[in-house]
Amino acid sequence: GQLPSLIEDGVTGLLFPPGDLAACVGCILIMLNGPSQRQAMGQRAGEAAGGIFGWDRTARQVTDIIAALRSGPM
């Protein structure tokens, strides 16, 4: 359910409909037969994940939560 919000099809990974074995096999074959595409997709996925789950963003979120807690009613 959440994968389409994390993976951009054809850019940071390949998506297929749930339960569609033929589509899954097709995606696997694309990755196996396209080393340069696979490498580029992996690079972009790593960059995207770093932006979403990296320490800089996480630290900002934590400090924002702490600031909101400190300024809110207690």
PDB file of N, CA and C in Angstrom:
ATOM      1  N   GLY A   1       0.790  -1.192   0.000  1.00  0.00           N
ATOM      2  CA  GLY A   1       0.000   0.000   0.000  1.00  0.00           C
ATOM      3  C   GLY A   1       0.835   1.260   0.000  1.00  0.00           C
ATOM      4  N   GLN A   2       1.953   1.259   0.680  1.00  0.00           N
ATOM      5  CA  GLN A   2       2.764   2.470   0.787  1.00  0.00           C
ATOM      6  C   GLN A   2       3.884   2.531  -0.246  1.00  0.00           C
ATOM      7  N   LEU A   3       4.196   1.440  -0.901  1.00  0.00           N
ATOM      8  CA  LEU A   3       5.307   1.437  -1.845  1.00  0.00           C
ATOM      9  C   LEU A   3       5.176   2.477  -2.947  1.00  0.00           C
ATOM     10  N   PRO A   4       4.005   2.667  -3.553  1.00  0.00           N
ATOM     11  CA  PRO A   4       3.928   3.689  -4.596  1.00  0.00           C
ATOM     12  C   PRO A   4       4.257   5.102  -4.104  1.00  0.00           C
ATOM     13  N   SER A   5       4.101   5.358  -2.817  1.00  0.00           N
ATOM     14  CA  SER A   5       4.458   6.682  -2.304  1.00  0.00           C
ATOM     15  C   SER A   5       5.957   6.783  -2.048  1.00  0.00           C
ATOM     16  N   LEU A   6       6.652   5.655  -1.994  1.00  0.00           N
ATOM     17  CA  LEU A   6       8.094   5.656  -1.750  1.00  0.00           C
ATOM     18  C   LEU A   6       8.912   5.403  -3.011  1.00  0.00           C
ATOM     19  N   ILE A   7       8.342   4.682  -3.961  1.00  0.00           N
ATOM     20  CA  ILE A   7       9.060   4.297  -5.176  1.00  0.00           C
ATOM     21  C   ILE A   7       8.423   4.962  -6.384  1.00  0.00           C
ATOM     22  N   GLU A   8       9.247   5.615  -7.168  1.00  0.00           N
ATOM     23  CA  GLU A   8       8.772   6.200  -8.423  1.00  0.00           C
ATOM     24  C   GLU A   8       9.056   5.185  -9.528  1.00  0.00           C
ATOM     25  N   ASP A   9       8.001   4.622 -10.082  1.00  0.00           N
ATOM     26  CA  ASP A   9       8.128   3.533 -11.051  1.00  0.00           C
ATOM     27  C   ASP A   9       9.022   3.931 -12.218  1.00  0.00           C
ATOM     28  N   GLY A  10      10.040   3.098 -12.467  1.00  0.00           N
ATOM     29  CA  GLY A  10      10.957   3.345 -13.571  1.00  0.00           C
ATOM     30  C   GLY A  10      12.065   4.328 -13.242  1.00  0.00           C
ATOM     31  N   VAL A  11      11.991   4.966 -12.086  1.00  0.00           N
ATOM     32  CA  VAL A  11      13.002   5.957 -11.702  1.00  0.00           C
ATOM     33  C   VAL A  11      13.804   5.457 -10.503  1.00  0.00           C
ATOM     34  N   THR A  12      13.110   5.111  -9.436  1.00  0.00           N
ATOM     35  CA  THR A  12      13.784   4.623  -8.228  1.00  0.00           C
ATOM     36  C   THR A  12      13.472   3.149  -7.963  1.00  0.00           C
ATOM     37  N   GLY A  13      12.751   2.523  -8.852  1.00  0.00           N
ATOM     38  CA  GLY A  13      12.410   1.113  -8.726  1.00  0.00           C
ATOM     39  C   GLY A  13      11.354   0.749  -9.746  1.00  0.00           C
ATOM     40  N   LEU A  14      10.918  -0.481  -9.681  1.00  0.00           N
ATOM     41  CA  LEU A  14       9.871  -0.941 -10.587  1.00  0.00           C
ATOM     42  C   LEU A  14       8.696  -1.438  -9.753  1.00  0.00           C
ATOM     43  N   LEU A  15       7.515  -1.031 -10.123  1.00  0.00           N
ATOM     44  CA  LEU A  15       6.300  -1.443  -9.421  1.00  0.00           C
ATOM     45  C   LEU A  15       5.482  -2.368 -10.317  1.00  0.00           C
ATOM     46  N   PHE A  16       4.755  -3.271  -9.693  1.00  0.00           N
ATOM     47  CA  PHE A  16       3.837  -4.137 -10.413  1.00  0.00           C
ATOM     48  C   PHE A  16       2.620  -4.358  -9.529  1.00  0.00           C
ATOM     49  N   PRO A  17       1.484  -4.687 -10.122  1.00  0.00           N
ATOM     50  CA  PRO A  17       0.261  -4.880  -9.340  1.00  0.00           C
ATOM     51  C   PRO A  17       0.411  -6.041  -8.356  1.00  0.00           C
ATOM     52  N   PRO A  18      -0.132  -5.893  -7.173  1.00  0.00           N
ATOM     53  CA  PRO A  18      -0.073  -6.982  -6.188  1.00  0.00           C
ATOM     54  C   PRO A  18      -0.659  -8.273  -6.763  1.00  0.00           C
ATOM     55  N   GLY A  19       0.054  -9.370  -6.548  1.00  0.00           N
ATOM     56  CA  GLY A  19      -0.422 -10.667  -6.993  1.00  0.00           C
ATOM     57  C   GLY A  19      -0.197 -10.978  -8.462  1.00  0.00           C
ATOM     58  N   ASP A  20       0.360 -10.031  -9.221  1.00  0.00           N
ATOM     59  CA  ASP A  20       0.584 -10.237 -10.653  1.00  0.00           C
ATOM     60  C   ASP A  20       1.968 -10.851 -10.852  1.00  0.00           C
ATOM     61  N   LEU A  21       2.022 -12.171 -10.841  1.00  0.00           N
ATOM     62  CA  LEU A  21       3.290 -12.887 -10.944  1.00  0.00           C
ATOM     63  C   LEU A  21       4.000 -12.602 -12.263  1.00  0.00           C
ATOM     64  N   ALA A  22       3.256 -12.529 -13.349  1.00  0.00           N
ATOM     65  CA  ALA A  22       3.865 -12.265 -14.652  1.00  0.00           C
ATOM     66  C   ALA A  22       4.534 -10.890 -14.662  1.00  0.00           C
ATOM     67  N   ALA A  23       3.884  -9.902 -14.079  1.00  0.00           N
ATOM     68  CA  ALA A  23       4.466  -8.559 -14.025  1.00  0.00           C
ATOM     69  C   ALA A  23       5.701  -8.547 -13.128  1.00  0.00           C
ATOM     70  N   CYS A  24       5.658  -9.293 -12.040  1.00  0.00           N
ATOM     71  CA  CYS A  24       6.809  -9.406 -11.139  1.00  0.00           C
ATOM     72  C   CYS A  24       8.000 -10.008 -11.882  1.00  0.00           C
ATOM     73  N   VAL A  25       7.762 -11.087 -12.595  1.00  0.00           N
ATOM     74  CA  VAL A  25       8.815 -11.730 -13.379  1.00  0.00           C
ATOM     75  C   VAL A  25       9.351 -10.753 -14.423  1.00  0.00           C
ATOM     76  N   GLY A  26       8.462 -10.010 -15.057  1.00  0.00           N
ATOM     77  CA  GLY A  26       8.891  -9.013 -16.040  1.00  0.00           C
ATOM     78  C   GLY A  26       9.808  -7.970 -15.439  1.00  0.00           C
ATOM     79  N   CYS A  27       9.478  -7.500 -14.248  1.00  0.00           N
ATOM     80  CA  CYS A  27      10.326  -6.515 -13.569  1.00  0.00           C
ATOM     81  C   CYS A  27      11.683  -7.115 -13.212  1.00  0.00           C
ATOM     82  N   ILE A  28      11.680  -8.353 -12.754  1.00  0.00           N
ATOM     83  CA  ILE A  28      12.939  -9.026 -12.420  1.00  0.00           C
ATOM     84  C   ILE A  28      13.808  -9.164 -13.667  1.00  0.00           C
ATOM     85  N   LEU A  29      13.202  -9.544 -14.782  1.00  0.00           N
ATOM     86  CA  LEU A  29      13.963  -9.685 -16.021  1.00  0.00           C
ATOM     87  C   LEU A  29      14.522  -8.355 -16.504  1.00  0.00           C
ATOM     88  N   ILE A  30      13.748  -7.300 -16.359  1.00  0.00           N
ATOM     89  CA  ILE A  30      14.239  -5.968 -16.725  1.00  0.00           C
ATOM     90  C   ILE A  30      15.487  -5.643 -15.915  1.00  0.00           C
ATOM     91  N   MET A  31      15.440  -5.902 -14.626  1.00  0.00           N
ATOM     92  CA  MET A  31      16.584  -5.603 -13.760  1.00  0.00           C
ATOM     93  C   MET A  31      17.784  -6.498 -14.077  1.00  0.00           C
ATOM     94  N   LEU A  32      17.524  -7.776 -14.325  1.00  0.00           N
ATOM     95  CA  LEU A  32      18.612  -8.702 -14.649  1.00  0.00           C
ATOM     96  C   LEU A  32      19.291  -8.363 -15.978  1.00  0.00           C
ATOM     97  N   ASN A  33      18.490  -7.954 -16.951  1.00  0.00           N
ATOM     98  CA  ASN A  33      19.012  -7.716 -18.294  1.00  0.00           C
ATOM     99  C   ASN A  33      19.456  -6.280 -18.552  1.00  0.00           C
ATOM    100  N   GLY A  34      19.297  -5.409 -17.572  1.00  0.00           N
ATOM    101  CA  GLY A  34      19.665  -4.005 -17.772  1.00  0.00           C
ATOM    102  C   GLY A  34      20.584  -3.498 -16.681  1.00  0.00           C
ATOM    103  N   PRO A  35      21.849  -3.918 -16.682  1.00  0.00           N
ATOM    104  CA  PRO A  35      22.742  -3.526 -15.587  1.00  0.00           C
ATOM    105  C   PRO A  35      22.917  -2.014 -15.440  1.00  0.00           C
ATOM    106  N   SER A  36      22.973  -1.283 -16.536  1.00  0.00           N
ATOM    107  CA  SER A  36      23.148   0.171 -16.407  1.00  0.00           C
ATOM    108  C   SER A  36      21.875   0.815 -15.862  1.00  0.00           C
ATOM    109  N   GLN A  37      20.712   0.338 -16.306  1.00  0.00           N
ATOM    110  CA  GLN A  37      19.444   0.850 -15.788  1.00  0.00           C
ATOM    111  C   GLN A  37      19.315   0.497 -14.308  1.00  0.00           C
ATOM    112  N   ARG A  38      19.682  -0.727 -13.959  1.00  0.00           N
ATOM    113  CA  ARG A  38      19.625  -1.182 -12.566  1.00  0.00           C
ATOM    114  C   ARG A  38      20.524  -0.331 -11.680  1.00  0.00           C
ATOM    115  N   GLN A  39      21.720  -0.055 -12.158  1.00  0.00           N
ATOM    116  CA  GLN A  39      22.662   0.756 -11.380  1.00  0.00           C
ATOM    117  C   GLN A  39      22.161   2.191 -11.216  1.00  0.00           C
ATOM    118  N   ALA A  40      21.643   2.774 -12.284  1.00  0.00           N
ATOM    119  CA  ALA A  40      21.127   4.145 -12.219  1.00  0.00           C
ATOM    120  C   ALA A  40      19.922   4.224 -11.287  1.00  0.00           C
ATOM    121  N   MET A  41      19.041   3.229 -11.385  1.00  0.00           N
ATOM    122  CA  MET A  41      17.855   3.203 -10.529  1.00  0.00           C
ATOM    123  C   MET A  41      18.265   3.069  -9.058  1.00  0.00           C
ATOM    124  N   GLY A  42      19.246   2.221  -8.800  1.00  0.00           N
ATOM    125  CA  GLY A  42      19.736   2.049  -7.434  1.00  0.00           C
ATOM    126  C   GLY A  42      20.339   3.326  -6.887  1.00  0.00           C
ATOM    127  N   GLN A  43      21.084   4.035  -7.720  1.00  0.00           N
ATOM    128  CA  GLN A  43      21.688   5.306  -7.300  1.00  0.00           C
ATOM    129  C   GLN A  43      20.600   6.322  -6.950  1.00  0.00           C
ATOM    130  N   ARG A  44      19.608   6.442  -7.826  1.00  0.00           N
ATOM    131  CA  ARG A  44      18.511   7.394  -7.570  1.00  0.00           C
ATOM    132  C   ARG A  44      17.701   6.993  -6.340  1.00  0.00           C
ATOM    133  N   ALA A  45      17.504   5.694  -6.149  1.00  0.00           N
ATOM    134  CA  ALA A  45      16.755   5.225  -4.975  1.00  0.00           C
ATOM    135  C   ALA A  45      17.519   5.552  -3.695  1.00  0.00           C
ATOM    136  N   GLY A  46      18.839   5.371  -3.719  1.00  0.00           N
ATOM    137  CA  GLY A  46      19.647   5.705  -2.543  1.00  0.00           C
ATOM    138  C   GLY A  46      19.578   7.181  -2.213  1.00  0.00           C
ATOM    139  N   GLU A  47      19.639   8.018  -3.232  1.00  0.00           N
ATOM    140  CA  GLU A  47      19.554   9.465  -3.021  1.00  0.00           C
ATOM    141  C   GLU A  47      18.181   9.846  -2.465  1.00  0.00           C
ATOM    142  N   ALA A  48      17.136   9.255  -3.022  1.00  0.00           N
ATOM    143  CA  ALA A  48      15.776   9.551  -2.556  1.00  0.00           C
ATOM    144  C   ALA A  48      15.591   9.097  -1.113  1.00  0.00           C
ATOM    145  N   ALA A  49      16.078   7.909  -0.793  1.00  0.00           N
ATOM    146  CA  ALA A  49      15.947   7.394   0.574  1.00  0.00           C
ATOM    147  C   ALA A  49      16.716   8.270   1.554  1.00  0.00           C
ATOM    148  N   GLY A  50      17.882   8.745   1.149  1.00  0.00           N
ATOM    149  CA  GLY A  50      18.656   9.629   2.018  1.00  0.00           C
ATOM    150  C   GLY A  50      17.912  10.917   2.306  1.00  0.00           C
ATOM    151  N   GLY A  51      17.190  11.416   1.314  1.00  0.00           N
ATOM    152  CA  GLY A  51      16.413  12.631   1.521  1.00  0.00           C
ATOM    153  C   GLY A  51      15.213  12.424   2.414  1.00  0.00           C
ATOM    154  N   ILE A  52      14.632  11.234   2.349  1.00  0.00           N
ATOM    155  CA  ILE A  52      13.440  10.943   3.140  1.00  0.00           C
ATOM    156  C   ILE A  52      13.794  10.468   4.547  1.00  0.00           C
ATOM    157  N   PHE A  53      14.788   9.602   4.638  1.00  0.00           N
ATOM    158  CA  PHE A  53      15.098   8.951   5.911  1.00  0.00           C
ATOM    159  C   PHE A  53      16.472   9.326   6.471  1.00  0.00           C
ATOM    160  N   GLY A  54      17.140  10.299   5.858  1.00  0.00           N
ATOM    161  CA  GLY A  54      18.478  10.680   6.292  1.00  0.00           C
ATOM    162  C   GLY A  54      18.495  11.369   7.648  1.00  0.00           C
ATOM    163  N   TRP A  55      19.683  11.431   8.230  1.00  0.00           N
ATOM    164  CA  TRP A  55      19.845  12.012   9.564  1.00  0.00           C
ATOM    165  C   TRP A  55      19.478  13.487   9.599  1.00  0.00           C
ATOM    166  N   ASP A  56      19.799  14.233   8.555  1.00  0.00           N
ATOM    167  CA  ASP A  56      19.487  15.670   8.556  1.00  0.00           C
ATOM    168  C   ASP A  56      17.988  15.909   8.698  1.00  0.00           C
ATOM    169  N   ARG A  57      17.210  15.207   7.895  1.00  0.00           N
ATOM    170  CA  ARG A  57      15.754  15.384   7.956  1.00  0.00           C
ATOM    171  C   ARG A  57      15.199  14.865   9.289  1.00  0.00           C
ATOM    172  N   THR A  58      15.702  13.730   9.737  1.00  0.00           N
ATOM    173  CA  THR A  58      15.235  13.164  11.000  1.00  0.00           C
ATOM    174  C   THR A  58      15.539  14.111  12.157  1.00  0.00           C
ATOM    175  N   ALA A  59      16.736  14.670  12.178  1.00  0.00           N
ATOM    176  CA  ALA A  59      17.107  15.606  13.247  1.00  0.00           C
ATOM    177  C   ALA A  59      16.210  16.843  13.218  1.00  0.00           C
ATOM    178  N   ARG A  60      15.912  17.344  12.023  1.00  0.00           N
ATOM    179  CA  ARG A  60      15.013  18.502  11.898  1.00  0.00           C
ATOM    180  C   ARG A  60      13.633  18.163  12.437  1.00  0.00           C
ATOM    181  N   GLN A  61      13.139  16.988  12.100  1.00  0.00           N
ATOM    182  CA  GLN A  61      11.809  16.591  12.575  1.00  0.00           C
ATOM    183  C   GLN A  61      11.783  16.481  14.095  1.00  0.00           C
ATOM    184  N   VAL A  62      12.816  15.912  14.673  1.00  0.00           N
ATOM    185  CA  VAL A  62      12.880  15.777  16.133  1.00  0.00           C
ATOM    186  C   VAL A  62      12.939  17.153  16.783  1.00  0.00           C
ATOM    187  N   THR A  63      13.774  18.044  16.266  1.00  0.00           N
ATOM    188  CA  THR A  63      13.869  19.377  16.871  1.00  0.00           C
ATOM    189  C   THR A  63      12.558  20.147  16.698  1.00  0.00           C
ATOM    190  N   ASP A  64      11.879  19.959  15.577  1.00  0.00           N
ATOM    191  CA  ASP A  64      10.575  20.604  15.377  1.00  0.00           C
ATOM    192  C   ASP A  64       9.550  20.088  16.394  1.00  0.00           C
ATOM    193  N   ILE A  65       9.558  18.783  16.643  1.00  0.00           N
ATOM    194  CA  ILE A  65       8.631  18.199  17.623  1.00  0.00           C
ATOM    195  C   ILE A  65       8.938  18.733  19.018  1.00  0.00           C
ATOM    196  N   ILE A  66      10.205  18.781  19.367  1.00  0.00           N
ATOM    197  CA  ILE A  66      10.596  19.279  20.688  1.00  0.00           C
ATOM    198  C   ILE A  66      10.190  20.743  20.840  1.00  0.00           C
ATOM    199  N   ALA A  67      10.426  21.542  19.808  1.00  0.00           N
ATOM    200  CA  ALA A  67      10.055  22.956  19.864  1.00  0.00           C
ATOM    201  C   ALA A  67       8.544  23.107  20.020  1.00  0.00           C
ATOM    202  N   ALA A  68       7.775  22.289  19.300  1.00  0.00           N
ATOM    203  CA  ALA A  68       6.314  22.367  19.404  1.00  0.00           C
ATOM    204  C   ALA A  68       5.853  21.965  20.793  1.00  0.00           C
ATOM    205  N   LEU A  69       6.470  20.948  21.357  1.00  0.00           N
ATOM    206  CA  LEU A  69       6.103  20.519  22.712  1.00  0.00           C
ATOM    207  C   LEU A  69       6.432  21.574  23.765  1.00  0.00           C
ATOM    208  N   ARG A  70       7.558  22.233  23.559  1.00  0.00           N
ATOM    209  CA  ARG A  70       7.981  23.252  24.522  1.00  0.00           C
ATOM    210  C   ARG A  70       7.104  24.492  24.458  1.00  0.00           C
ATOM    211  N   SER A  71       6.597  24.816  23.266  1.00  0.00           N
ATOM    212  CA  SER A  71       5.810  26.048  23.138  1.00  0.00           C
ATOM    213  C   SER A  71       4.313  25.803  23.350  1.00  0.00           C
ATOM    214  N   GLY A  72       3.890  24.555  23.347  1.00  0.00           N
ATOM    215  CA  GLY A  72       2.475  24.245  23.524  1.00  0.00           C
ATOM    216  C   GLY A  72       2.065  24.252  24.995  1.00  0.00           C
ATOM    217  N   PRO A  73       0.762  24.166  25.224  1.00  0.00           N
ATOM    218  CA  PRO A  73       0.281  24.145  26.625  1.00  0.00           C
ATOM    219  C   PRO A  73       0.698  22.863  27.330  1.00  0.00           C
ATOM    220  N   MET A  74       1.031  22.989  28.581  1.00  0.00           N
ATOM    221  CA  MET A  74       1.448  21.819  29.361  1.00  0.00           C
ATOM    222  C   MET A  74       0.633  21.715  30.608  1.00  0.00           C
TER     223      MET A  74
END
